[in-house]
């Protein structure tokens, strides 16, 4: 009888250890998932911040392009830096 009781107690202890190990494994997997999700959240926030910066830079570049394409600016450069002027009437040749 004493050996049977020890065997039952040993079996109970083994089951308890197995259950504790399973609980620990599940807990570790849960913690690992939470850490992974947190890392992904930080990456998403960083990418959103980067996207906002790129959108702002894109907006500034569009304004700069519009300024550089301005006919008034081009005419000013042509007159001052290149010495250009509008042609006289006799300098214009019409083609048919």
PDB file of N, CA and C in Angstrom:
ATOM      1  N   UNK A   1       0.818  -1.188   0.000  1.00  0.00           N
ATOM      2  CA  UNK A   1       0.000   0.000   0.000  1.00  0.00           C
ATOM      3  C   UNK A   1       0.859   1.248   0.000  1.00  0.00           C
ATOM      4  N   UNK A   2       1.931   1.211   0.769  1.00  0.00           N
ATOM      5  CA  UNK A   2       2.796   2.367   0.877  1.00  0.00           C
ATOM      6  C   UNK A   2       3.439   2.677  -0.472  1.00  0.00           C
ATOM      7  N   UNK A   3       3.821   1.678  -1.196  1.00  0.00           N
ATOM      8  CA  UNK A   3       4.421   1.865  -2.514  1.00  0.00           C
ATOM      9  C   UNK A   3       3.391   2.423  -3.480  1.00  0.00           C
ATOM     10  N   UNK A   4       2.147   1.977  -3.379  1.00  0.00           N
ATOM     11  CA  UNK A   4       1.081   2.473  -4.254  1.00  0.00           C
ATOM     12  C   UNK A   4       0.819   3.945  -3.970  1.00  0.00           C
ATOM     13  N   UNK A   5       0.828   4.362  -2.706  1.00  0.00           N
ATOM     14  CA  UNK A   5       0.618   5.772  -2.333  1.00  0.00           C
ATOM     15  C   UNK A   5       1.752   6.644  -2.863  1.00  0.00           C
ATOM     16  N   UNK A   6       2.983   6.124  -2.740  1.00  0.00           N
ATOM     17  CA  UNK A   6       4.123   6.885  -3.248  1.00  0.00           C
ATOM     18  C   UNK A   6       4.039   7.017  -4.764  1.00  0.00           C
ATOM     19  N   UNK A   7       3.582   5.962  -5.420  1.00  0.00           N
ATOM     20  CA  UNK A   7       3.460   6.002  -6.877  1.00  0.00           C
ATOM     21  C   UNK A   7       2.406   7.022  -7.278  1.00  0.00           C
ATOM     22  N   UNK A   8       1.243   7.069  -6.552  1.00  0.00           N
ATOM     23  CA  UNK A   8       0.192   8.040  -6.840  1.00  0.00           C
ATOM     24  C   UNK A   8       0.681   9.465  -6.590  1.00  0.00           C
ATOM     25  N   UNK A   9       1.421   9.651  -5.493  1.00  0.00           N
ATOM     26  CA  UNK A   9       1.951  10.972  -5.179  1.00  0.00           C
ATOM     27  C   UNK A   9       2.968  11.407  -6.231  1.00  0.00           C
ATOM     28  N   UNK A  10       3.792  10.464  -6.677  1.00  0.00           N
ATOM     29  CA  UNK A  10       4.770  10.751  -7.736  1.00  0.00           C
ATOM     30  C   UNK A  10       4.071  11.122  -9.033  1.00  0.00           C
ATOM     31  N   UNK A  11       2.986  10.421  -9.347  1.00  0.00           N
ATOM     32  CA  UNK A  11       2.214  10.709 -10.550  1.00  0.00           C
ATOM     33  C   UNK A  11       1.558  12.085 -10.458  1.00  0.00           C
ATOM     34  N   UNK A  12       1.031  12.422  -9.268  1.00  0.00           N
ATOM     35  CA  UNK A  12       0.416  13.739  -9.064  1.00  0.00           C
ATOM     36  C   UNK A  12       1.466  14.847  -9.216  1.00  0.00           C
ATOM     37  N   UNK A  13       2.637  14.603  -8.642  1.00  0.00           N
ATOM     38  CA  UNK A  13       3.716  15.573  -8.740  1.00  0.00           C
ATOM     39  C   UNK A  13       4.150  15.748 -10.195  1.00  0.00           C
ATOM     40  N   UNK A  14       4.239  14.667 -10.934  1.00  0.00           N
ATOM     41  CA  UNK A  14       4.607  14.719 -12.342  1.00  0.00           C
ATOM     42  C   UNK A  14       3.574  15.523 -13.132  1.00  0.00           C
ATOM     43  N   UNK A  15       2.280  15.249 -12.876  1.00  0.00           N
ATOM     44  CA  UNK A  15       1.217  15.996 -13.558  1.00  0.00           C
ATOM     45  C   UNK A  15       1.298  17.486 -13.214  1.00  0.00           C
ATOM     46  N   UNK A  16       1.546  17.783 -11.954  1.00  0.00           N
ATOM     47  CA  UNK A  16       1.654  19.179 -11.526  1.00  0.00           C
ATOM     48  C   UNK A  16       2.824  19.866 -12.231  1.00  0.00           C
ATOM     49  N   UNK A  17       3.942  19.179 -12.345  1.00  0.00           N
ATOM     50  CA  UNK A  17       5.115  19.737 -13.028  1.00  0.00           C
ATOM     51  C   UNK A  17       4.806  19.962 -14.507  1.00  0.00           C
ATOM     52  N   UNK A  18       4.153  18.988 -15.141  1.00  0.00           N
ATOM     53  CA  UNK A  18       3.791  19.118 -16.558  1.00  0.00           C
ATOM     54  C   UNK A  18       2.847  20.305 -16.755  1.00  0.00           C
ATOM     55  N   UNK A  19       1.849  20.421 -15.890  1.00  0.00           N
ATOM     56  CA  UNK A  19       0.896  21.529 -15.986  1.00  0.00           C
ATOM     57  C   UNK A  19       1.619  22.864 -15.776  1.00  0.00           C
ATOM     58  N   UNK A  20       2.524  22.927 -14.817  1.00  0.00           N
ATOM     59  CA  UNK A  20       3.280  24.154 -14.550  1.00  0.00           C
ATOM     60  C   UNK A  20       4.152  24.513 -15.755  1.00  0.00           C
ATOM     61  N   UNK A  21       4.792  23.516 -16.364  1.00  0.00           N
ATOM     62  CA  UNK A  21       5.622  23.764 -17.543  1.00  0.00           C
ATOM     63  C   UNK A  21       4.784  24.248 -18.726  1.00  0.00           C
ATOM     64  N   UNK A  22       3.609  23.645 -18.894  1.00  0.00           N
ATOM     65  CA  UNK A  22       2.714  24.075 -19.978  1.00  0.00           C
ATOM     66  C   UNK A  22       2.261  25.518 -19.744  1.00  0.00           C
ATOM     67  N   UNK A  23       1.917  25.842 -18.508  1.00  0.00           N
ATOM     68  CA  UNK A  23       1.497  27.199 -18.167  1.00  0.00           C
ATOM     69  C   UNK A  23       2.631  28.188 -18.451  1.00  0.00           C
ATOM     70  N   UNK A  24       3.855  27.810 -18.066  1.00  0.00           N
ATOM     71  CA  UNK A  24       5.007  28.686 -18.317  1.00  0.00           C
ATOM     72  C   UNK A  24       5.239  28.865 -19.814  1.00  0.00           C
ATOM     73  N   UNK A  25       5.114  27.781 -20.569  1.00  0.00           N
ATOM     74  CA  UNK A  25       5.321  27.869 -22.010  1.00  0.00           C
ATOM     75  C   UNK A  25       4.275  28.784 -22.648  1.00  0.00           C
ATOM     76  N   UNK A  26       3.022  28.611 -22.253  1.00  0.00           N
ATOM     77  CA  UNK A  26       1.949  29.457 -22.790  1.00  0.00           C
ATOM     78  C   UNK A  26       2.194  30.916 -22.409  1.00  0.00           C
ATOM     79  N   UNK A  27       2.616  31.157 -21.185  1.00  0.00           N
ATOM     80  CA  UNK A  27       2.900  32.522 -20.730  1.00  0.00           C
ATOM     81  C   UNK A  27       4.046  33.134 -21.525  1.00  0.00           C
ATOM     82  N   UNK A  28       5.097  32.366 -21.763  1.00  0.00           N
ATOM     83  CA  UNK A  28       6.228  32.865 -22.549  1.00  0.00           C
ATOM     84  C   UNK A  28       5.820  33.185 -23.984  1.00  0.00           C
ATOM     85  N   UNK A  29       5.010  32.319 -24.576  1.00  0.00           N
ATOM     86  CA  UNK A  29       4.536  32.585 -25.934  1.00  0.00           C
ATOM     87  C   UNK A  29       3.696  33.854 -25.960  1.00  0.00           C
ATOM     88  N   UNK A  30       2.829  34.045 -24.966  1.00  0.00           N
ATOM     89  CA  UNK A  30       1.997  35.244 -24.891  1.00  0.00           C
ATOM     90  C   UNK A  30       2.871  36.499 -24.758  1.00  0.00           C
ATOM     91  N   UNK A  31       3.865  36.448 -23.888  1.00  0.00           N
ATOM     92  CA  UNK A  31       4.757  37.595 -23.699  1.00  0.00           C
ATOM     93  C   UNK A  31       5.516  37.884 -24.993  1.00  0.00           C
ATOM     94  N   UNK A  32       5.988  36.832 -25.657  1.00  0.00           N
ATOM     95  CA  UNK A  32       6.711  37.013 -26.917  1.00  0.00           C
ATOM     96  C   UNK A  32       5.814  37.687 -27.959  1.00  0.00           C
ATOM     97  N   UNK A  33       4.550  37.262 -28.056  1.00  0.00           N
ATOM     98  CA  UNK A  33       3.616  37.897 -28.990  1.00  0.00           C
ATOM     99  C   UNK A  33       3.404  39.360 -28.632  1.00  0.00           C
ATOM    100  N   UNK A  34       3.237  39.667 -27.364  1.00  0.00           N
ATOM    101  CA  UNK A  34       3.016  41.059 -26.943  1.00  0.00           C
ATOM    102  C   UNK A  34       4.233  41.921 -27.285  1.00  0.00           C
ATOM    103  N   UNK A  35       5.433  41.397 -27.072  1.00  0.00           N
ATOM    104  CA  UNK A  35       6.646  42.140 -27.413  1.00  0.00           C
ATOM    105  C   UNK A  35       6.717  42.363 -28.922  1.00  0.00           C
ATOM    106  N   UNK A  36       6.389  41.351 -29.693  1.00  0.00           N
ATOM    107  CA  UNK A  36       6.390  41.484 -31.150  1.00  0.00           C
ATOM    108  C   UNK A  36       5.390  42.535 -31.600  1.00  0.00           C
ATOM    109  N   UNK A  37       4.217  42.522 -31.031  1.00  0.00           N
ATOM    110  CA  UNK A  37       3.190  43.502 -31.389  1.00  0.00           C
ATOM    111  C   UNK A  37       3.655  44.911 -31.033  1.00  0.00           C
ATOM    112  N   UNK A  38       4.291  45.074 -29.891  1.00  0.00           N
ATOM    113  CA  UNK A  38       4.796  46.385 -29.488  1.00  0.00           C
ATOM    114  C   UNK A  38       5.865  46.873 -30.457  1.00  0.00           C
ATOM    115  N   UNK A  39       6.770  45.994 -30.867  1.00  0.00           N
ATOM    116  CA  UNK A  39       7.800  46.370 -31.843  1.00  0.00           C
ATOM    117  C   UNK A  39       7.157  46.800 -33.161  1.00  0.00           C
ATOM    118  N   UNK A  40       6.167  46.066 -33.601  1.00  0.00           N
ATOM    119  CA  UNK A  40       5.480  46.406 -34.849  1.00  0.00           C
ATOM    120  C   UNK A  40       4.765  47.741 -34.715  1.00  0.00           C
ATOM    121  N   UNK A  41       4.162  47.999 -33.559  1.00  0.00           N
ATOM    122  CA  UNK A  41       3.515  49.296 -33.329  1.00  0.00           C
ATOM    123  C   UNK A  41       4.515  50.439 -33.441  1.00  0.00           C
ATOM    124  N   UNK A  42       5.709  50.265 -32.867  1.00  0.00           N
ATOM    125  CA  UNK A  42       6.742  51.295 -32.971  1.00  0.00           C
ATOM    126  C   UNK A  42       7.178  51.482 -34.424  1.00  0.00           C
ATOM    127  N   UNK A  43       7.318  50.397 -35.159  1.00  0.00           N
ATOM    128  CA  UNK A  43       7.703  50.500 -36.566  1.00  0.00           C
ATOM    129  C   UNK A  43       6.637  51.232 -37.371  1.00  0.00           C
ATOM    130  N   UNK A  44       5.384  50.944 -37.099  1.00  0.00           N
ATOM    131  CA  UNK A  44       4.292  51.619 -37.800  1.00  0.00           C
ATOM    132  C   UNK A  44       4.314  53.113 -37.494  1.00  0.00           C
ATOM    133  N   UNK A  45       4.496  53.462 -36.230  1.00  0.00           N
ATOM    134  CA  UNK A  45       4.552  54.877 -35.850  1.00  0.00           C
ATOM    135  C   UNK A  45       5.717  55.580 -36.545  1.00  0.00           C
ATOM    136  N   UNK A  46       6.849  54.913 -36.622  1.00  0.00           N
ATOM    137  CA  UNK A  46       8.021  55.492 -37.290  1.00  0.00           C
ATOM    138  C   UNK A  46       7.759  55.690 -38.779  1.00  0.00           C
ATOM    139  N   UNK A  47       7.130  54.713 -39.409  1.00  0.00           N
ATOM    140  CA  UNK A  47       6.824  54.827 -40.844  1.00  0.00           C
ATOM    141  C   UNK A  47       5.795  55.928 -41.113  1.00  0.00           C
ATOM    142  N   UNK A  48       4.831  56.077 -40.222  1.00  0.00           N
ATOM    143  CA  UNK A  48       3.842  57.151 -40.374  1.00  0.00           C
ATOM    144  C   UNK A  48       4.541  58.507 -40.259  1.00  0.00           C
ATOM    145  N   UNK A  49       5.446  58.630 -39.295  1.00  0.00           N
ATOM    146  CA  UNK A  49       6.194  59.873 -39.134  1.00  0.00           C
ATOM    147  C   UNK A  49       7.029  60.162 -40.384  1.00  0.00           C
ATOM    148  N   UNK A  50       7.678  59.142 -40.911  1.00  0.00           N
ATOM    149  CA  UNK A  50       8.487  59.284 -42.124  1.00  0.00           C
ATOM    150  C   UNK A  50       7.604  59.700 -43.300  1.00  0.00           C
ATOM    151  N   UNK A  51       6.435  59.099 -43.420  1.00  0.00           N
ATOM    152  CA  UNK A  51       5.494  59.423 -44.500  1.00  0.00           C
ATOM    153  C   UNK A  51       5.054  60.876 -44.411  1.00  0.00           C
ATOM    154  N   UNK A  52       4.766  61.342 -43.205  1.00  0.00           N
ATOM    155  CA  UNK A  52       4.356  62.732 -43.027  1.00  0.00           C
ATOM    156  C   UNK A  52       5.474  63.683 -43.441  1.00  0.00           C
ATOM    157  N   UNK A  53       6.697  63.342 -43.106  1.00  0.00           N
ATOM    158  CA  UNK A  53       7.837  64.159 -43.518  1.00  0.00           C
ATOM    159  C   UNK A  53       7.982  64.193 -45.026  1.00  0.00           C
ATOM    160  N   UNK A  54       7.806  63.043 -45.660  1.00  0.00           N
ATOM    161  CA  UNK A  54       7.914  62.979 -47.122  1.00  0.00           C
ATOM    162  C   UNK A  54       6.787  63.750 -47.798  1.00  0.00           C
ATOM    163  N   UNK A  55       5.583  63.678 -47.241  1.00  0.00           N
ATOM    164  CA  UNK A  55       4.475  64.445 -47.803  1.00  0.00           C
ATOM    165  C   UNK A  55       4.731  65.944 -47.694  1.00  0.00           C
ATOM    166  N   UNK A  56       5.294  66.380 -46.563  1.00  0.00           N
ATOM    167  CA  UNK A  56       5.619  67.802 -46.392  1.00  0.00           C
ATOM    168  C   UNK A  56       6.698  68.225 -47.382  1.00  0.00           C
ATOM    169  N   UNK A  57       7.714  67.393 -47.553  1.00  0.00           N
ATOM    170  CA  UNK A  57       8.774  67.693 -48.517  1.00  0.00           C
ATOM    171  C   UNK A  57       8.206  67.744 -49.933  1.00  0.00           C
ATOM    172  N   UNK A  58       7.299  66.829 -50.246  1.00  0.00           N
ATOM    173  CA  UNK A  58       6.665  66.807 -51.565  1.00  0.00           C
ATOM    174  C   UNK A  58       5.879  68.100 -51.805  1.00  0.00           C
ATOM    175  N   UNK A  59       5.154  68.555 -50.784  1.00  0.00           N
ATOM    176  CA  UNK A  59       4.386  69.790 -50.902  1.00  0.00           C
ATOM    177  C   UNK A  59       5.319  70.972 -51.175  1.00  0.00           C
ATOM    178  N   UNK A  60       6.436  71.057 -50.434  1.00  0.00           N
ATOM    179  CA  UNK A  60       7.396  72.136 -50.631  1.00  0.00           C
ATOM    180  C   UNK A  60       8.002  72.097 -52.033  1.00  0.00           C
ATOM    181  N   UNK A  61       8.309  70.886 -52.504  1.00  0.00           N
ATOM    182  CA  UNK A  61       8.889  70.756 -53.845  1.00  0.00           C
ATOM    183  C   UNK A  61       7.894  71.163 -54.931  1.00  0.00           C
ATOM    184  N   UNK A  62       6.620  70.863 -54.739  1.00  0.00           N
ATOM    185  CA  UNK A  62       5.611  71.292 -55.707  1.00  0.00           C
ATOM    186  C   UNK A  62       5.513  72.810 -55.761  1.00  0.00           C
ATOM    187  N   UNK A  63       5.583  73.449 -54.590  1.00  0.00           N
ATOM    188  CA  UNK A  63       5.567  74.916 -54.554  1.00  0.00           C
ATOM    189  C   UNK A  63       6.798  75.466 -55.259  1.00  0.00           C
ATOM    190  N   UNK A  64       7.955  74.844 -55.007  1.00  0.00           N
ATOM    191  CA  UNK A  64       9.191  75.301 -55.657  1.00  0.00           C
ATOM    192  C   UNK A  64       9.117  75.135 -57.169  1.00  0.00           C
ATOM    193  N   UNK A  65       8.579  74.018 -57.640  1.00  0.00           N
ATOM    194  CA  UNK A  65       8.440  73.792 -59.080  1.00  0.00           C
ATOM    195  C   UNK A  65       7.516  74.843 -59.684  1.00  0.00           C
ATOM    196  N   UNK A  66       6.405  75.110 -59.012  1.00  0.00           N
ATOM    197  CA  UNK A  66       5.474  76.122 -59.520  1.00  0.00           C
ATOM    198  C   UNK A  66       6.149  77.490 -59.582  1.00  0.00           C
ATOM    199  N   UNK A  67       6.962  77.808 -58.582  1.00  0.00           N
ATOM    200  CA  UNK A  67       7.678  79.092 -58.574  1.00  0.00           C
ATOM    201  C   UNK A  67       8.690  79.147 -59.706  1.00  0.00           C
ATOM    202  N   UNK A  68       9.429  78.067 -59.906  1.00  0.00           N
ATOM    203  CA  UNK A  68      10.456  78.049 -60.958  1.00  0.00           C
ATOM    204  C   UNK A  68       9.845  78.081 -62.361  1.00  0.00           C
ATOM    205  N   UNK A  69       8.636  77.566 -62.518  1.00  0.00           N
ATOM    206  CA  UNK A  69       7.973  77.545 -63.824  1.00  0.00           C
ATOM    207  C   UNK A  69       7.237  78.851 -64.135  1.00  0.00           C
ATOM    208  N   UNK A  70       7.205  79.754 -63.194  1.00  0.00           N
ATOM    209  CA  UNK A  70       6.455  80.984 -63.358  1.00  0.00           C
ATOM    210  C   UNK A  70       6.931  81.751 -64.591  1.00  0.00           C
ATOM    211  N   UNK A  71       6.008  82.093 -65.489  1.00  0.00           N
ATOM    212  CA  UNK A  71       6.393  82.848 -66.692  1.00  0.00           C
ATOM    213  C   UNK A  71       7.050  84.195 -66.358  1.00  0.00           C
ATOM    214  N   UNK A  72       6.605  84.838 -65.309  1.00  0.00           N
ATOM    215  CA  UNK A  72       7.186  86.130 -64.905  1.00  0.00           C
ATOM    216  C   UNK A  72       8.654  85.946 -64.527  1.00  0.00           C
ATOM    217  N   UNK A  73       8.974  84.866 -63.814  1.00  0.00           N
ATOM    218  CA  UNK A  73      10.357  84.582 -63.411  1.00  0.00           C
ATOM    219  C   UNK A  73      11.215  84.269 -64.621  1.00  0.00           C
ATOM    220  N   UNK A  74      10.692  83.453 -65.527  1.00  0.00           N
ATOM    221  CA  UNK A  74      11.447  83.071 -66.725  1.00  0.00           C
ATOM    222  C   UNK A  74      11.728  84.309 -67.578  1.00  0.00           C
ATOM    223  N   UNK A  75      10.730  85.173 -67.740  1.00  0.00           N
ATOM    224  CA  UNK A  75      10.921  86.397 -68.522  1.00  0.00           C
ATOM    225  C   UNK A  75      11.972  87.294 -67.872  1.00  0.00           C
ATOM    226  N   UNK A  76      11.935  87.401 -66.549  1.00  0.00           N
ATOM    227  CA  UNK A  76      12.910  88.224 -65.830  1.00  0.00           C
ATOM    228  C   UNK A  76      14.327  87.708 -66.045  1.00  0.00           C
ATOM    229  N   UNK A  77      14.511  86.415 -65.973  1.00  0.00           N
ATOM    230  CA  UNK A  77      15.844  85.820 -66.192  1.00  0.00           C
ATOM    231  C   UNK A  77      16.279  86.051 -67.634  1.00  0.00           C
ATOM    232  N   UNK A  78      15.356  85.872 -68.577  1.00  0.00           N
ATOM    233  CA  UNK A  78      15.694  86.064 -69.989  1.00  0.00           C
ATOM    234  C   UNK A  78      16.140  87.498 -70.248  1.00  0.00           C
ATOM    235  N   UNK A  79      15.478  88.452 -69.635  1.00  0.00           N
ATOM    236  CA  UNK A  79      15.832  89.864 -69.867  1.00  0.00           C
ATOM    237  C   UNK A  79      17.136  90.243 -69.161  1.00  0.00           C
ATOM    238  N   UNK A  80      17.276  89.892 -67.877  1.00  0.00           N
ATOM    239  CA  UNK A  80      18.431  90.368 -67.105  1.00  0.00           C
ATOM    240  C   UNK A  80      19.689  89.538 -67.345  1.00  0.00           C
ATOM    241  N   UNK A  81      19.616  88.259 -67.267  1.00  0.00           N
ATOM    242  CA  UNK A  81      20.820  87.425 -67.368  1.00  0.00           C
ATOM    243  C   UNK A  81      21.203  87.105 -68.813  1.00  0.00           C
ATOM    244  N   UNK A  82      20.202  86.912 -69.667  1.00  0.00           N
ATOM    245  CA  UNK A  82      20.500  86.504 -71.040  1.00  0.00           C
ATOM    246  C   UNK A  82      20.427  87.661 -72.029  1.00  0.00           C
ATOM    247  N   UNK A  83      19.961  88.814 -71.572  1.00  0.00           N
ATOM    248  CA  UNK A  83      19.904  89.986 -72.449  1.00  0.00           C
ATOM    249  C   UNK A  83      18.871  89.861 -73.555  1.00  0.00           C
ATOM    250  N   UNK A  84      17.872  89.058 -73.374  1.00  0.00           N
ATOM    251  CA  UNK A  84      16.843  88.877 -74.400  1.00  0.00           C
ATOM    252  C   UNK A  84      15.823  90.001 -74.323  1.00  0.00           C
ATOM    253  N   UNK A  85      15.151  90.217 -75.451  1.00  0.00           N
ATOM    254  CA  UNK A  85      14.067  91.196 -75.500  1.00  0.00           C
ATOM    255  C   UNK A  85      13.065  90.730 -76.534  1.00  0.00           C
ATOM    256  N   UNK A  86      11.899  91.358 -76.534  1.00  0.00           N
ATOM    257  CA  UNK A  86      10.886  90.999 -77.528  1.00  0.00           C
ATOM    258  C   UNK A  86      11.376  91.462 -78.906  1.00  0.00           C
ATOM    259  N   UNK A  87      11.070  90.680 -79.942  1.00  0.00           N
ATOM    260  CA  UNK A  87      11.525  91.072 -81.286  1.00  0.00           C
ATOM    261  C   UNK A  87      10.734  92.292 -81.803  1.00  0.00           C
ATOM    262  N   UNK A  88      11.387  93.048 -82.653  1.00  0.00           N
ATOM    263  CA  UNK A  88      10.708  94.165 -83.332  1.00  0.00           C
ATOM    264  C   UNK A  88       9.804  93.588 -84.407  1.00  0.00           C
ATOM    265  N   UNK A  89       8.891  94.431 -84.901  1.00  0.00           N
ATOM    266  CA  UNK A  89       7.939  93.956 -85.911  1.00  0.00           C
ATOM    267  C   UNK A  89       8.634  93.434 -87.167  1.00  0.00           C
ATOM    268  N   UNK A  90       9.666  94.079 -87.576  1.00  0.00           N
ATOM    269  CA  UNK A  90      10.341  93.663 -88.811  1.00  0.00           C
ATOM    270  C   UNK A  90      11.205  92.418 -88.613  1.00  0.00           C
ATOM    271  N   UNK A  91      11.422  92.003 -87.388  1.00  0.00           N
ATOM    272  CA  UNK A  91      12.200  90.792 -87.105  1.00  0.00           C
ATOM    273  C   UNK A  91      11.329  89.523 -87.097  1.00  0.00           C
ATOM    274  N   UNK A  92      10.008  89.698 -87.122  1.00  0.00           N
ATOM    275  CA  UNK A  92       9.105  88.558 -87.065  1.00  0.00           C
ATOM    276  C   UNK A  92       8.805  88.087 -88.482  1.00  0.00           C
ATOM    277  N   UNK A  93       8.966  86.776 -88.695  1.00  0.00           N
ATOM    278  CA  UNK A  93       8.685  86.195 -90.006  1.00  0.00           C
ATOM    279  C   UNK A  93       7.550  85.188 -89.803  1.00  0.00           C
ATOM    280  N   UNK A  94       6.473  85.351 -90.548  1.00  0.00           N
ATOM    281  CA  UNK A  94       5.326  84.436 -90.456  1.00  0.00           C
ATOM    282  C   UNK A  94       5.472  83.359 -91.504  1.00  0.00           C
ATOM    283  N   UNK A  95       5.275  82.133 -91.128  1.00  0.00           N
ATOM    284  CA  UNK A  95       5.343  80.980 -92.023  1.00  0.00           C
ATOM    285  C   UNK A  95       3.956  80.478 -92.331  1.00  0.00           C
ATOM    286  N   UNK A  96       3.779  80.047 -93.565  1.00  0.00           N
ATOM    287  CA  UNK A  96       2.476  79.527 -93.960  1.00  0.00           C
ATOM    288  C   UNK A  96       2.537  78.041 -94.105  1.00  0.00           C
TER     289      UNK A  96
END
